Amino acid sequence: MNRTKAREYAFILLFQYKFQPDSIGELIEDFVAEYKPGIQEEYIKNAVNTTIEKIGELDGIIDEKSANWKADRLSYVCQSILRLAICEILYFEDIPVPVSINEAIALIKKYDGEESVNFVNGILGSFKKND
């Protein structure tokens, strides 16, 4: 499994977290048992757990960067993708910022549609410029 696919699965787990917050550890373990991500297991676990741990901070950044929109008003897909991308930018020094942004855009195109692309790109671009 490559990092792009691992990132997609991390996003899916974060999306599931919205509906099963008390079961995230179990969801991760079930995922690992079923998909056997190999060397990407550590990334997936770290990405999901760090995003959840820092969710208040990440949502605060989204709120700050998105004029007139709060994180809780976004689709769950958009929330999860933005949270993951910002988490990578802040806490995963081994991942170049442009990679996090490009991968977020690819995920939003696949799971939420073209109408959200500019929004996500704008937030991540604004966040990147200020940090």
C-alpha atoms as a PDB file:
ATOM      1  CA  MET A   1       0.000   0.000   0.000  1.00  0.00           C
ATOM      2  CA  ASN A   2       1.381   3.402  -0.918  1.00  0.00           C
ATOM      3  CA  ARG A   3       1.038   6.631   1.094  1.00  0.00           C
ATOM      4  CA  THR A   4      -1.706   7.993  -1.164  1.00  0.00           C
ATOM      5  CA  LYS A   5      -3.886   4.961  -0.477  1.00  0.00           C
ATOM      6  CA  ALA A   6      -2.984   5.066   3.224  1.00  0.00           C
ATOM      7  CA  ARG A   7      -4.048   8.728   3.343  1.00  0.00           C
ATOM      8  CA  GLU A   8      -7.352   7.825   1.722  1.00  0.00           C
ATOM      9  CA  TYR A   9      -7.948   5.150   4.339  1.00  0.00           C
ATOM     10  CA  ALA A  10      -7.002   7.565   7.130  1.00  0.00           C
ATOM     11  CA  PHE A  11      -9.611   9.965   5.734  1.00  0.00           C
ATOM     12  CA  ILE A  12     -12.218   7.170   5.650  1.00  0.00           C
ATOM     13  CA  LEU A  13     -11.467   6.292   9.274  1.00  0.00           C
ATOM     14  CA  LEU A  14     -11.762   9.967  10.261  1.00  0.00           C
ATOM     15  CA  PHE A  15     -15.079  10.140   8.438  1.00  0.00           C
ATOM     16  CA  GLN A  16     -16.264   7.078  10.372  1.00  0.00           C
ATOM     17  CA  TYR A  17     -15.108   8.723  13.599  1.00  0.00           C
ATOM     18  CA  LYS A  18     -17.875  11.299  13.152  1.00  0.00           C
ATOM     19  CA  PHE A  19     -20.458   8.539  13.528  1.00  0.00           C
ATOM     20  CA  GLN A  20     -18.634   6.167  15.895  1.00  0.00           C
ATOM     21  CA  PRO A  21     -16.319   8.291  18.065  1.00  0.00           C
ATOM     22  CA  ASP A  22     -16.153   5.763  20.871  1.00  0.00           C
ATOM     23  CA  SER A  23     -15.146   2.954  18.520  1.00  0.00           C
ATOM     24  CA  ILE A  24     -12.221   4.514  16.651  1.00  0.00           C
ATOM     25  CA  GLY A  25      -9.605   2.221  18.190  1.00  0.00           C
ATOM     26  CA  GLU A  26     -11.646  -0.787  17.179  1.00  0.00           C
ATOM     27  CA  LEU A  27     -12.248   0.632  13.700  1.00  0.00           C
ATOM     28  CA  ILE A  28      -8.509   1.134  13.198  1.00  0.00           C
ATOM     29  CA  GLU A  29      -7.699  -2.382  14.366  1.00  0.00           C
ATOM     30  CA  ASP A  30     -10.406  -3.882  12.127  1.00  0.00           C
ATOM     31  CA  PHE A  31      -9.030  -1.896   9.210  1.00  0.00           C
ATOM     32  CA  VAL A  32      -5.474  -3.081   9.843  1.00  0.00           C
ATOM     33  CA  ALA A  33      -6.630  -6.693  10.105  1.00  0.00           C
ATOM     34  CA  GLU A  34      -8.643  -6.492   6.886  1.00  0.00           C
ATOM     35  CA  TYR A  35      -6.399  -4.386   4.643  1.00  0.00           C
ATOM     36  CA  LYS A  36      -2.952  -5.213   6.040  1.00  0.00           C
ATOM     37  CA  PRO A  37      -1.387  -1.831   5.230  1.00  0.00           C
ATOM     38  CA  GLY A  38       2.162  -2.996   5.971  1.00  0.00           C
ATOM     39  CA  ILE A  39       4.617  -0.140   6.349  1.00  0.00           C
ATOM     40  CA  GLN A  40       1.768   2.394   6.114  1.00  0.00           C
ATOM     41  CA  GLU A  41       0.116   1.090   9.304  1.00  0.00           C
ATOM     42  CA  GLU A  42       2.108   3.490  11.465  1.00  0.00           C
ATOM     43  CA  TYR A  43       1.181   6.473   9.279  1.00  0.00           C
ATOM     44  CA  ILE A  44      -2.530   5.562   9.334  1.00  0.00           C
ATOM     45  CA  LYS A  45      -2.623   5.129  13.109  1.00  0.00           C
ATOM     46  CA  ASN A  46      -0.612   8.308  13.733  1.00  0.00           C
ATOM     47  CA  ALA A  47      -2.632  10.371  11.254  1.00  0.00           C
ATOM     48  CA  VAL A  48      -5.985   9.289  12.649  1.00  0.00           C
ATOM     49  CA  ASN A  49      -5.016   9.494  16.303  1.00  0.00           C
ATOM     50  CA  THR A  50      -3.198  12.838  15.991  1.00  0.00           C
ATOM     51  CA  THR A  51      -6.077  14.348  14.029  1.00  0.00           C
ATOM     52  CA  ILE A  52      -8.559  13.235  16.676  1.00  0.00           C
ATOM     53  CA  GLU A  53      -6.304  14.404  19.507  1.00  0.00           C
ATOM     54  CA  LYS A  54      -5.911  17.855  17.909  1.00  0.00           C
ATOM     55  CA  ILE A  55      -9.433  18.168  16.498  1.00  0.00           C
ATOM     56  CA  GLY A  56     -10.281  21.332  18.456  1.00  0.00           C
ATOM     57  CA  GLU A  57      -7.130  23.078  17.246  1.00  0.00           C
ATOM     58  CA  LEU A  58      -7.680  21.907  13.664  1.00  0.00           C
ATOM     59  CA  ASP A  59     -11.295  23.084  13.657  1.00  0.00           C
ATOM     60  CA  GLY A  60     -10.163  26.428  15.051  1.00  0.00           C
ATOM     61  CA  ILE A  61      -7.808  26.838  12.099  1.00  0.00           C
ATOM     62  CA  ILE A  62     -10.581  25.898   9.672  1.00  0.00           C
ATOM     63  CA  ASP A  63     -12.913  28.416  11.331  1.00  0.00           C
ATOM     64  CA  GLU A  64     -10.263  31.130  11.135  1.00  0.00           C
ATOM     65  CA  LYS A  65      -9.414  30.509   7.482  1.00  0.00           C
ATOM     66  CA  SER A  66     -12.931  30.033   6.142  1.00  0.00           C
ATOM     67  CA  ALA A  67     -14.751  33.340   6.027  1.00  0.00           C
ATOM     68  CA  ASN A  68     -18.314  33.032   7.311  1.00  0.00           C
ATOM     69  CA  TRP A  69     -18.117  29.242   7.581  1.00  0.00           C
ATOM     70  CA  LYS A  70     -17.490  27.260  10.731  1.00  0.00           C
ATOM     71  CA  ALA A  71     -16.043  23.759  10.626  1.00  0.00           C
ATOM     72  CA  ASP A  72     -19.266  22.261  11.966  1.00  0.00           C
ATOM     73  CA  ARG A  73     -21.196  23.661   8.944  1.00  0.00           C
ATOM     74  CA  LEU A  74     -19.013  21.850   6.404  1.00  0.00           C
ATOM     75  CA  SER A  75     -19.867  18.434   5.046  1.00  0.00           C
ATOM     76  CA  TYR A  76     -18.378  15.602   7.077  1.00  0.00           C
ATOM     77  CA  VAL A  77     -16.264  14.675   4.067  1.00  0.00           C
ATOM     78  CA  CYS A  78     -14.857  18.196   3.768  1.00  0.00           C
ATOM     79  CA  GLN A  79     -14.261  18.403   7.535  1.00  0.00           C
ATOM     80  CA  SER A  80     -12.370  15.128   7.599  1.00  0.00           C
ATOM     81  CA  ILE A  81     -10.197  15.959   4.602  1.00  0.00           C
ATOM     82  CA  LEU A  82      -9.326  19.434   5.881  1.00  0.00           C
ATOM     83  CA  ARG A  83      -8.565  18.143   9.359  1.00  0.00           C
ATOM     84  CA  LEU A  84      -6.252  15.465   7.978  1.00  0.00           C
ATOM     85  CA  ALA A  85      -4.427  17.841   5.617  1.00  0.00           C
ATOM     86  CA  ILE A  86      -3.893  20.513   8.277  1.00  0.00           C
ATOM     87  CA  CYS A  87      -2.772  17.844  10.740  1.00  0.00           C
ATOM     88  CA  GLU A  88      -0.193  16.617   8.233  1.00  0.00           C
ATOM     89  CA  ILE A  89       1.037  20.160   7.606  1.00  0.00           C
ATOM     90  CA  LEU A  90       1.422  20.868  11.322  1.00  0.00           C
ATOM     91  CA  TYR A  91       2.604  17.550  12.730  1.00  0.00           C
ATOM     92  CA  PHE A  92       4.107  15.397   9.950  1.00  0.00           C
ATOM     93  CA  GLU A  93       7.403  17.015   9.054  1.00  0.00           C
ATOM     94  CA  ASP A  94       8.303  14.174   6.694  1.00  0.00           C
ATOM     95  CA  ILE A  95       5.393  15.078   4.381  1.00  0.00           C
ATOM     96  CA  PRO A  96       5.976  18.119   2.154  1.00  0.00           C
ATOM     97  CA  VAL A  97       3.209  20.725   2.454  1.00  0.00           C
ATOM     98  CA  PRO A  98       2.423  20.683  -1.295  1.00  0.00           C
ATOM     99  CA  VAL A  99       1.896  16.918  -1.102  1.00  0.00           C
ATOM    100  CA  SER A 100      -0.620  17.303   1.740  1.00  0.00           C
ATOM    101  CA  ILE A 101      -2.496  19.977  -0.216  1.00  0.00           C
ATOM    102  CA  ASN A 102      -2.472  18.066  -3.511  1.00  0.00           C
ATOM    103  CA  GLU A 103      -3.629  14.860  -1.849  1.00  0.00           C
ATOM    104  CA  ALA A 104      -6.428  16.729  -0.045  1.00  0.00           C
ATOM    105  CA  ILE A 105      -7.583  18.167  -3.368  1.00  0.00           C
ATOM    106  CA  ALA A 106      -7.570  14.703  -4.947  1.00  0.00           C
ATOM    107  CA  LEU A 107      -9.633  13.321  -2.063  1.00  0.00           C
ATOM    108  CA  ILE A 108     -12.149  16.165  -2.159  1.00  0.00           C
ATOM    109  CA  LYS A 109     -12.604  15.674  -5.910  1.00  0.00           C
ATOM    110  CA  LYS A 110     -13.212  11.967  -5.410  1.00  0.00           C
ATOM    111  CA  TYR A 111     -15.479  12.115  -2.358  1.00  0.00           C
ATOM    112  CA  ASP A 112     -17.163  15.533  -2.222  1.00  0.00           C
ATOM    113  CA  GLY A 113     -17.153  16.934  -5.730  1.00  0.00           C
ATOM    114  CA  GLU A 114     -15.762  19.755  -7.775  1.00  0.00           C
ATOM    115  CA  GLU A 115     -17.744  22.439  -5.958  1.00  0.00           C
ATOM    116  CA  SER A 116     -15.673  21.915  -2.821  1.00  0.00           C
ATOM    117  CA  VAL A 117     -12.266  21.960  -4.547  1.00  0.00           C
ATOM    118  CA  ASN A 118     -11.824  25.749  -4.552  1.00  0.00           C
ATOM    119  CA  PHE A 119     -12.978  26.005  -0.946  1.00  0.00           C
ATOM    120  CA  VAL A 120     -10.515  23.373   0.306  1.00  0.00           C
ATOM    121  CA  ASN A 121      -7.707  24.719  -1.857  1.00  0.00           C
ATOM    122  CA  GLY A 122      -8.371  28.246  -0.578  1.00  0.00           C
ATOM    123  CA  ILE A 123      -8.292  27.226   3.077  1.00  0.00           C
ATOM    124  CA  LEU A 124      -5.155  25.128   2.712  1.00  0.00           C
ATOM    125  CA  GLY A 125      -3.445  27.761   0.564  1.00  0.00           C
ATOM    126  CA  SER A 126      -4.276  30.487   3.079  1.00  0.00           C
ATOM    127  CA  PHE A 127      -3.092  28.329   5.950  1.00  0.00           C
ATOM    128  CA  LYS A 128       0.160  27.504   4.164  1.00  0.00           C
ATOM    129  CA  LYS A 129       0.944  31.154   3.381  1.00  0.00           C
ATOM    130  CA  ASN A 130       0.603  32.216   6.998  1.00  0.00           C
ATOM    131  CA  ASP A 131       2.738  29.477   8.509  1.00  0.00           C
END
